[in-house]
Amino acid sequence: MGDPRIIAVTLDEHTILWRNADIEQERRIAIFDLIEGNYFKPCRAYDDGYEGPYRIALSVEEGRLAIAIAREDGGPLETYVLGLGRFRRPIKDYFAICDSYYQAIRNATPQQIETIDMARRGVHNEAAELLKERLEGKIEIDFDTARRLFTLICVLHIKG
């Protein structure tokens, strides 16, 4: 009986050069929410029939996302590499909107904050759909899992 979900996530700490308290909070929440509820199922059948749960490690090198997938006991299964060229714009837009959002929280009206938050959610949702599309045929994920993974991909892109 399979258990198609992620039970642990690690980020390549060498990739993350800098993060402020707001970004660190986003990372913690994304990982917590991801572990609490997700759907993650590699499409490839493993020889021994293993079907989860999974541990994943995320890293970014030379514009590519590596998703290293391991068994519950940590035994490696495979690594998917995904080109991130189509994510450059959503990542840039997401950072810009998040920056505006964090500034607005400190000194804007509730209506202004809500407007910025709606724009942030819109960019986040579009990026989640793009991630689902790019993983199609490789890894099945649900929308909420895609949203949280996109947040973590953004964290890996922070350069200071």
N, C-alpha and C. Protein backbone atom coordinates (compact mmCIF):
# COMPACT_ATOMS: atom_id res chain seq x y z
N MET A 1 0.84 -1.18 0.00
CA MET A 1 0.00 0.00 0.00
C MET A 1 0.89 1.24 0.00
N GLY A 2 0.68 2.12 -0.96
CA GLY A 2 1.51 3.31 -1.09
C GLY A 2 1.10 4.44 -0.16
N ASP A 3 2.02 5.33 0.04
CA ASP A 3 1.79 6.52 0.86
C ASP A 3 2.41 7.70 0.11
N PRO A 4 1.71 8.22 -0.93
CA PRO A 4 2.30 9.24 -1.81
C PRO A 4 2.34 10.64 -1.18
N ARG A 5 3.29 10.81 -0.29
CA ARG A 5 3.42 12.12 0.36
C ARG A 5 4.87 12.34 0.78
N ILE A 6 5.17 13.60 1.03
CA ILE A 6 6.48 14.01 1.51
C ILE A 6 6.43 14.03 3.03
N ILE A 7 7.45 13.43 3.67
CA ILE A 7 7.50 13.45 5.13
C ILE A 7 8.65 14.30 5.66
N ALA A 8 9.56 14.70 4.78
CA ALA A 8 10.69 15.55 5.20
C ALA A 8 11.22 16.31 3.99
N VAL A 9 11.61 17.56 4.23
CA VAL A 9 12.18 18.42 3.18
C VAL A 9 13.45 19.05 3.71
N THR A 10 14.49 19.00 2.90
CA THR A 10 15.69 19.76 3.23
C THR A 10 16.02 20.65 2.04
N LEU A 11 16.57 21.81 2.35
CA LEU A 11 17.03 22.74 1.32
C LEU A 11 18.54 22.78 1.38
N ASP A 12 19.16 22.87 0.21
CA ASP A 12 20.61 22.97 0.15
C ASP A 12 21.04 24.30 0.77
N GLU A 13 21.59 24.23 1.96
CA GLU A 13 21.97 25.45 2.68
C GLU A 13 23.09 26.22 1.98
N HIS A 14 23.86 25.56 1.11
CA HIS A 14 24.91 26.26 0.37
C HIS A 14 24.30 27.15 -0.71
N THR A 15 23.10 26.79 -1.17
CA THR A 15 22.42 27.57 -2.19
C THR A 15 21.87 28.86 -1.60
N ILE A 16 21.40 28.80 -0.36
CA ILE A 16 20.77 29.94 0.29
C ILE A 16 21.86 30.81 0.90
N LEU A 17 22.14 31.94 0.26
CA LEU A 17 23.22 32.80 0.72
C LEU A 17 22.78 33.80 1.78
N TRP A 18 21.50 34.16 1.75
CA TRP A 18 21.03 35.21 2.64
C TRP A 18 19.53 35.11 2.77
N ARG A 19 19.03 35.36 3.95
CA ARG A 19 17.59 35.48 4.11
C ARG A 19 17.29 36.31 5.35
N ASN A 20 16.24 37.10 5.23
CA ASN A 20 15.85 37.92 6.37
C ASN A 20 14.79 37.18 7.18
N ALA A 21 14.32 37.80 8.25
CA ALA A 21 13.35 37.15 9.14
C ALA A 21 12.04 36.82 8.42
N ASP A 22 11.60 37.70 7.52
CA ASP A 22 10.35 37.44 6.78
C ASP A 22 10.49 36.20 5.90
N ILE A 23 11.60 36.11 5.19
CA ILE A 23 11.82 34.96 4.31
C ILE A 23 12.00 33.68 5.11
N GLU A 24 12.71 33.77 6.21
CA GLU A 24 12.90 32.60 7.08
C GLU A 24 11.54 32.10 7.59
N GLN A 25 10.67 33.03 7.93
CA GLN A 25 9.32 32.64 8.39
C GLN A 25 8.55 31.97 7.25
N GLU A 26 8.64 32.52 6.05
CA GLU A 26 7.97 31.91 4.88
C GLU A 26 8.47 30.48 4.67
N ARG A 27 9.80 30.29 4.79
CA ARG A 27 10.39 28.95 4.61
C ARG A 27 9.84 27.98 5.64
N ARG A 28 9.85 28.40 6.90
CA ARG A 28 9.36 27.53 7.98
C ARG A 28 7.89 27.15 7.77
N ILE A 29 7.08 28.14 7.43
CA ILE A 29 5.65 27.88 7.21
C ILE A 29 5.45 26.95 6.02
N ALA A 30 6.17 27.22 4.92
CA ALA A 30 6.02 26.38 3.72
C ALA A 30 6.39 24.93 4.02
N ILE A 31 7.48 24.71 4.73
CA ILE A 31 7.89 23.35 5.06
C ILE A 31 6.88 22.71 6.00
N PHE A 32 6.46 23.43 7.04
CA PHE A 32 5.49 22.89 7.98
C PHE A 32 4.20 22.51 7.26
N ASP A 33 3.66 23.44 6.47
CA ASP A 33 2.41 23.19 5.75
C ASP A 33 2.56 22.05 4.74
N LEU A 34 3.71 22.00 4.10
CA LEU A 34 3.95 20.94 3.13
C LEU A 34 3.93 19.57 3.80
N ILE A 35 4.60 19.44 4.92
CA ILE A 35 4.65 18.16 5.64
C ILE A 35 3.26 17.80 6.17
N GLU A 36 2.51 18.81 6.63
CA GLU A 36 1.18 18.56 7.20
C GLU A 36 0.19 18.02 6.18
N GLY A 37 0.31 18.46 4.94
CA GLY A 37 -0.63 18.02 3.92
C GLY A 37 -0.06 18.18 2.54
N ASN A 38 0.17 17.08 1.85
CA ASN A 38 0.69 17.15 0.49
C ASN A 38 0.35 15.88 -0.27
N TYR A 39 0.47 15.97 -1.57
CA TYR A 39 0.36 14.80 -2.43
C TYR A 39 1.57 14.85 -3.34
N PHE A 40 2.38 13.81 -3.31
CA PHE A 40 3.64 13.77 -4.04
C PHE A 40 3.86 12.33 -4.47
N LYS A 41 3.80 12.09 -5.77
CA LYS A 41 3.93 10.72 -6.27
C LYS A 41 4.79 10.70 -7.54
N PRO A 42 6.03 10.21 -7.42
CA PRO A 42 6.83 10.04 -8.63
C PRO A 42 6.11 9.10 -9.60
N CYS A 43 6.17 9.41 -10.88
CA CYS A 43 5.45 8.61 -11.87
C CYS A 43 6.16 7.30 -12.22
N ARG A 44 7.46 7.27 -12.01
CA ARG A 44 8.22 6.07 -12.32
C ARG A 44 7.98 5.01 -11.24
N ALA A 45 7.73 3.77 -11.69
CA ALA A 45 7.58 2.67 -10.74
C ALA A 45 8.97 2.16 -10.36
N TYR A 46 9.17 1.98 -9.06
CA TYR A 46 10.45 1.46 -8.58
C TYR A 46 10.42 -0.06 -8.59
N ASP A 47 11.58 -0.66 -8.85
CA ASP A 47 11.66 -2.12 -9.01
C ASP A 47 11.05 -2.90 -7.85
N ASP A 48 11.22 -2.40 -6.64
CA ASP A 48 10.71 -3.12 -5.47
C ASP A 48 9.28 -2.71 -5.11
N GLY A 49 8.66 -1.85 -5.93
CA GLY A 49 7.28 -1.44 -5.70
C GLY A 49 7.10 -0.33 -4.66
N TYR A 50 8.20 0.29 -4.22
CA TYR A 50 8.11 1.35 -3.20
C TYR A 50 7.23 2.48 -3.71
N GLU A 51 6.28 2.92 -2.87
CA GLU A 51 5.35 3.98 -3.25
C GLU A 51 5.18 5.04 -2.16
N GLY A 52 6.23 5.29 -1.39
CA GLY A 52 6.18 6.35 -0.40
C GLY A 52 6.03 5.82 1.00
N PRO A 53 6.21 6.72 1.95
CA PRO A 53 6.41 8.17 1.85
C PRO A 53 7.83 8.53 1.44
N TYR A 54 8.02 9.81 1.13
CA TYR A 54 9.29 10.28 0.56
C TYR A 54 9.92 11.39 1.39
N ARG A 55 11.24 11.42 1.31
CA ARG A 55 12.04 12.54 1.80
C ARG A 55 12.57 13.23 0.54
N ILE A 56 12.53 14.56 0.53
CA ILE A 56 13.09 15.25 -0.63
C ILE A 56 14.12 16.27 -0.18
N ALA A 57 15.08 16.50 -1.06
CA ALA A 57 16.09 17.54 -0.85
C ALA A 57 16.08 18.41 -2.10
N LEU A 58 15.96 19.72 -1.90
CA LEU A 58 15.90 20.66 -3.02
C LEU A 58 17.18 21.47 -3.10
N SER A 59 17.67 21.65 -4.32
CA SER A 59 18.83 22.51 -4.54
C SER A 59 18.71 23.12 -5.92
N VAL A 60 19.41 24.24 -6.11
CA VAL A 60 19.43 24.91 -7.41
C VAL A 60 20.88 25.10 -7.81
N GLU A 61 21.20 24.66 -9.03
CA GLU A 61 22.53 24.87 -9.59
C GLU A 61 22.40 25.19 -11.06
N GLU A 62 23.09 26.23 -11.48
CA GLU A 62 23.14 26.62 -12.88
C GLU A 62 21.76 26.69 -13.52
N GLY A 63 20.81 27.31 -12.80
CA GLY A 63 19.48 27.50 -13.35
C GLY A 63 18.60 26.27 -13.39
N ARG A 64 18.98 25.24 -12.68
CA ARG A 64 18.18 24.01 -12.65
C ARG A 64 17.86 23.63 -11.21
N LEU A 65 16.64 23.17 -11.02
CA LEU A 65 16.20 22.67 -9.73
C LEU A 65 16.44 21.17 -9.68
N ALA A 66 17.09 20.72 -8.62
CA ALA A 66 17.25 19.28 -8.40
C ALA A 66 16.34 18.88 -7.25
N ILE A 67 15.53 17.87 -7.50
CA ILE A 67 14.66 17.30 -6.48
C ILE A 67 15.16 15.89 -6.23
N ALA A 68 15.93 15.72 -5.16
CA ALA A 68 16.45 14.41 -4.80
C ALA A 68 15.39 13.71 -3.95
N ILE A 69 14.96 12.56 -4.40
CA ILE A 69 13.89 11.82 -3.74
C ILE A 69 14.49 10.60 -3.05
N ALA A 70 14.09 10.41 -1.80
CA ALA A 70 14.59 9.28 -1.02
C ALA A 70 13.43 8.57 -0.33
N ARG A 71 13.70 7.36 0.08
CA ARG A 71 12.73 6.56 0.83
C ARG A 71 12.56 7.13 2.23
N GLU A 72 11.60 6.60 2.94
CA GLU A 72 11.36 7.01 4.32
C GLU A 72 12.61 6.82 5.18
N ASP A 73 13.37 5.74 4.92
CA ASP A 73 14.59 5.47 5.70
C ASP A 73 15.81 6.24 5.21
N GLY A 74 15.61 7.10 4.19
CA GLY A 74 16.70 7.91 3.66
C GLY A 74 17.42 7.30 2.47
N GLY A 75 17.11 6.07 2.12
CA GLY A 75 17.73 5.44 0.95
C GLY A 75 17.35 6.17 -0.32
N PRO A 76 18.34 6.52 -1.14
CA PRO A 76 18.05 7.30 -2.35
C PRO A 76 17.24 6.52 -3.38
N LEU A 77 16.34 7.23 -4.05
CA LEU A 77 15.55 6.65 -5.12
C LEU A 77 15.95 7.24 -6.47
N GLU A 78 15.87 8.55 -6.61
CA GLU A 78 16.23 9.21 -7.87
C GLU A 78 16.27 10.72 -7.66
N THR A 79 16.81 11.40 -8.64
CA THR A 79 16.84 12.87 -8.62
C THR A 79 16.28 13.36 -9.94
N TYR A 80 15.30 14.25 -9.83
CA TYR A 80 14.77 14.91 -11.01
C TYR A 80 15.44 16.26 -11.12
N VAL A 81 15.79 16.64 -12.36
CA VAL A 81 16.37 17.95 -12.61
C VAL A 81 15.41 18.68 -13.55
N LEU A 82 15.08 19.88 -13.15
CA LEU A 82 14.09 20.66 -13.86
C LEU A 82 14.67 22.02 -14.21
N GLY A 83 14.69 22.36 -15.49
CA GLY A 83 15.13 23.68 -15.91
C GLY A 83 14.21 24.75 -15.36
N LEU A 84 14.77 25.83 -14.86
CA LEU A 84 13.97 26.87 -14.23
C LEU A 84 13.83 28.14 -15.07
N GLY A 85 14.21 28.07 -16.33
CA GLY A 85 14.13 29.25 -17.19
C GLY A 85 12.75 29.87 -17.22
N ARG A 86 11.71 29.06 -17.30
CA ARG A 86 10.34 29.58 -17.36
C ARG A 86 9.88 30.13 -16.02
N PHE A 87 10.66 29.92 -14.96
CA PHE A 87 10.29 30.41 -13.63
C PHE A 87 10.96 31.74 -13.29
N ARG A 88 11.87 32.20 -14.15
CA ARG A 88 12.58 33.45 -13.83
C ARG A 88 11.62 34.60 -13.57
N ARG A 89 10.68 34.77 -14.47
CA ARG A 89 9.73 35.89 -14.34
C ARG A 89 8.84 35.73 -13.10
N PRO A 90 8.20 34.55 -12.90
CA PRO A 90 7.37 34.41 -11.70
C PRO A 90 8.17 34.60 -10.40
N ILE A 91 9.40 34.13 -10.36
CA ILE A 91 10.22 34.30 -9.16
C ILE A 91 10.53 35.78 -8.93
N LYS A 92 10.92 36.48 -10.00
CA LYS A 92 11.21 37.92 -9.90
C LYS A 92 9.96 38.68 -9.45
N ASP A 93 8.81 38.37 -10.07
CA ASP A 93 7.55 39.04 -9.71
C ASP A 93 7.17 38.73 -8.26
N TYR A 94 7.36 37.49 -7.86
CA TYR A 94 7.00 37.09 -6.50
C TYR A 94 7.84 37.84 -5.48
N PHE A 95 9.15 37.94 -5.74
CA PHE A 95 10.02 38.69 -4.83
C PHE A 95 9.60 40.16 -4.74
N ALA A 96 9.30 40.75 -5.88
CA ALA A 96 8.91 42.17 -5.89
C ALA A 96 7.61 42.38 -5.12
N ILE A 97 6.64 41.52 -5.33
CA ILE A 97 5.36 41.66 -4.63
C ILE A 97 5.52 41.38 -3.14
N CYS A 98 6.32 40.37 -2.80
CA CYS A 98 6.55 40.07 -1.38
C CYS A 98 7.22 41.25 -0.69
N ASP A 99 8.17 41.87 -1.36
CA ASP A 99 8.84 43.04 -0.78
C ASP A 99 7.83 44.15 -0.53
N SER A 100 6.96 44.40 -1.50
CA SER A 100 5.91 45.41 -1.33
C SER A 100 4.97 45.03 -0.20
N TYR A 101 4.65 43.76 -0.10
CA TYR A 101 3.75 43.27 0.94
C TYR A 101 4.35 43.50 2.33
N TYR A 102 5.61 43.12 2.51
CA TYR A 102 6.25 43.28 3.81
C TYR A 102 6.38 44.76 4.20
N GLN A 103 6.62 45.62 3.21
CA GLN A 103 6.66 47.05 3.49
C GLN A 103 5.27 47.57 3.84
N ALA A 104 4.26 47.08 3.14
CA ALA A 104 2.89 47.52 3.37
C ALA A 104 2.40 47.12 4.76
N ILE A 105 2.78 45.96 5.21
CA ILE A 105 2.36 45.49 6.53
C ILE A 105 2.77 46.49 7.60
N ARG A 106 3.89 47.13 7.39
CA ARG A 106 4.43 48.05 8.39
C ARG A 106 3.78 49.43 8.38
N ASN A 107 3.24 49.86 7.20
CA ASN A 107 2.73 51.23 7.20
C ASN A 107 1.62 51.52 6.19
N ALA A 108 0.92 50.52 5.67
CA ALA A 108 -0.15 50.77 4.70
C ALA A 108 -1.51 50.52 5.35
N THR A 109 -2.54 50.94 4.65
CA THR A 109 -3.90 50.70 5.13
C THR A 109 -4.26 49.23 4.91
N PRO A 110 -5.22 48.74 5.65
CA PRO A 110 -5.66 47.35 5.45
C PRO A 110 -6.08 47.07 4.01
N GLN A 111 -6.73 48.03 3.37
CA GLN A 111 -7.17 47.84 1.98
C GLN A 111 -5.95 47.72 1.04
N GLN A 112 -4.93 48.53 1.26
CA GLN A 112 -3.72 48.45 0.43
C GLN A 112 -3.03 47.10 0.64
N ILE A 113 -2.96 46.66 1.88
CA ILE A 113 -2.33 45.37 2.19
C ILE A 113 -3.09 44.24 1.49
N GLU A 114 -4.42 44.30 1.55
CA GLU A 114 -5.23 43.26 0.92
C GLU A 114 -5.02 43.23 -0.59
N THR A 115 -4.92 44.39 -1.21
CA THR A 115 -4.70 44.46 -2.66
C THR A 115 -3.36 43.83 -3.03
N ILE A 116 -2.33 44.17 -2.30
CA ILE A 116 -1.01 43.60 -2.57
C ILE A 116 -1.01 42.10 -2.31
N ASP A 117 -1.69 41.67 -1.25
CA ASP A 117 -1.75 40.24 -0.93
C ASP A 117 -2.47 39.46 -2.02
N MET A 118 -3.52 40.04 -2.59
CA MET A 118 -4.23 39.38 -3.69
C MET A 118 -3.31 39.22 -4.90
N ALA A 119 -2.52 40.24 -5.20
CA ALA A 119 -1.57 40.15 -6.32
C ALA A 119 -0.51 39.09 -6.03
N ARG A 120 -0.05 39.04 -4.78
CA ARG A 120 0.95 38.04 -4.39
C ARG A 120 0.39 36.64 -4.57
N ARG A 121 -0.83 36.43 -4.11
CA ARG A 121 -1.45 35.11 -4.27
C ARG A 121 -1.63 34.75 -5.74
N GLY A 122 -1.97 35.75 -6.56
CA GLY A 122 -2.14 35.49 -7.99
C GLY A 122 -0.86 35.00 -8.64
N VAL A 123 0.24 35.68 -8.37
CA VAL A 123 1.55 35.26 -8.92
C VAL A 123 1.90 33.87 -8.39
N HIS A 124 1.68 33.65 -7.11
CA HIS A 124 1.98 32.37 -6.48
C HIS A 124 1.16 31.25 -7.13
N ASN A 125 -0.12 31.49 -7.35
CA ASN A 125 -0.99 30.49 -7.97
C ASN A 125 -0.56 30.16 -9.40
N GLU A 126 -0.22 31.18 -10.17
CA GLU A 126 0.24 30.96 -11.55
C GLU A 126 1.54 30.14 -11.57
N ALA A 127 2.44 30.46 -10.66
CA ALA A 127 3.70 29.72 -10.58
C ALA A 127 3.46 28.28 -10.16
N ALA A 128 2.51 28.06 -9.26
CA ALA A 128 2.18 26.69 -8.84
C ALA A 128 1.64 25.88 -10.01
N GLU A 129 0.79 26.48 -10.82
CA GLU A 129 0.27 25.80 -12.01
C GLU A 129 1.40 25.48 -12.99
N LEU A 130 2.32 26.42 -13.16
CA LEU A 130 3.47 26.18 -14.03
C LEU A 130 4.32 25.03 -13.51
N LEU A 131 4.53 24.97 -12.20
CA LEU A 131 5.32 23.88 -11.62
C LEU A 131 4.62 22.54 -11.84
N LYS A 132 3.33 22.49 -11.62
CA LYS A 132 2.58 21.25 -11.87
C LYS A 132 2.75 20.81 -13.33
N GLU A 133 2.64 21.77 -14.24
CA GLU A 133 2.78 21.50 -15.67
C GLU A 133 4.18 20.96 -16.00
N ARG A 134 5.21 21.59 -15.43
CA ARG A 134 6.60 21.19 -15.72
C ARG A 134 6.95 19.81 -15.13
N LEU A 135 6.25 19.43 -14.06
CA LEU A 135 6.51 18.11 -13.46
C LEU A 135 5.63 17.01 -14.03
N GLU A 136 4.70 17.40 -14.90
CA GLU A 136 3.78 16.42 -15.48
C GLU A 136 4.54 15.27 -16.14
N GLY A 137 4.13 14.07 -15.83
CA GLY A 137 4.78 12.88 -16.37
C GLY A 137 6.00 12.45 -15.58
N LYS A 138 6.42 13.27 -14.62
CA LYS A 138 7.58 12.95 -13.78
C LYS A 138 7.15 12.73 -12.33
N ILE A 139 6.44 13.75 -11.79
CA ILE A 139 5.96 13.70 -10.41
C ILE A 139 4.55 14.27 -10.38
N GLU A 140 3.62 13.53 -9.81
CA GLU A 140 2.27 14.04 -9.61
C GLU A 140 2.24 14.79 -8.29
N ILE A 141 1.75 16.03 -8.34
CA ILE A 141 1.57 16.83 -7.12
C ILE A 141 0.22 17.53 -7.21
N ASP A 142 -0.33 17.87 -6.06
CA ASP A 142 -1.56 18.66 -6.06
C ASP A 142 -1.20 20.15 -6.02
N PHE A 143 -2.23 20.98 -6.14
CA PHE A 143 -2.02 22.41 -6.22
C PHE A 143 -1.35 22.98 -4.96
N ASP A 144 -1.82 22.58 -3.78
CA ASP A 144 -1.24 23.10 -2.54
C ASP A 144 0.23 22.69 -2.40
N THR A 145 0.55 21.47 -2.80
CA THR A 145 1.94 21.02 -2.77
C THR A 145 2.78 21.87 -3.72
N ALA A 146 2.25 22.15 -4.90
CA ALA A 146 2.97 22.98 -5.87
C ALA A 146 3.21 24.39 -5.33
N ARG A 147 2.21 24.97 -4.66
CA ARG A 147 2.38 26.31 -4.08
C ARG A 147 3.51 26.33 -3.05
N ARG A 148 3.53 25.35 -2.19
CA ARG A 148 4.55 25.30 -1.13
C ARG A 148 5.93 25.01 -1.71
N LEU A 149 5.98 24.16 -2.71
CA LEU A 149 7.28 23.90 -3.36
C LEU A 149 7.78 25.15 -4.07
N PHE A 150 6.88 25.92 -4.69
CA PHE A 150 7.31 27.16 -5.34
C PHE A 150 7.89 28.13 -4.32
N THR A 151 7.28 28.23 -3.15
CA THR A 151 7.83 29.08 -2.09
C THR A 151 9.26 28.66 -1.77
N LEU A 152 9.49 27.37 -1.65
CA LEU A 152 10.83 26.87 -1.32
C LEU A 152 11.81 27.10 -2.47
N ILE A 153 11.33 27.00 -3.70
CA ILE A 153 12.18 27.31 -4.86
C ILE A 153 12.61 28.78 -4.80
N CYS A 154 11.69 29.65 -4.43
CA CYS A 154 12.03 31.08 -4.28
C CYS A 154 13.08 31.28 -3.20
N VAL A 155 12.92 30.60 -2.07
CA VAL A 155 13.92 30.71 -0.99
C VAL A 155 15.29 30.32 -1.52
N LEU A 156 15.36 29.29 -2.35
CA LEU A 156 16.65 28.86 -2.90
C LEU A 156 17.25 29.89 -3.86
N HIS A 157 16.46 30.82 -4.34
CA HIS A 157 16.95 31.83 -5.30
C HIS A 157 17.40 33.12 -4.65
N ILE A 158 17.29 33.25 -3.35
CA ILE A 158 17.67 34.49 -2.69
C ILE A 158 19.19 34.62 -2.70
N LYS A 159 19.66 35.71 -3.24
CA LYS A 159 21.11 35.90 -3.35
C LYS A 159 21.62 37.06 -2.50
N GLY A 160 20.73 37.77 -1.85
CA GLY A 160 21.17 38.86 -0.99
C GLY A 160 20.81 40.20 -1.52
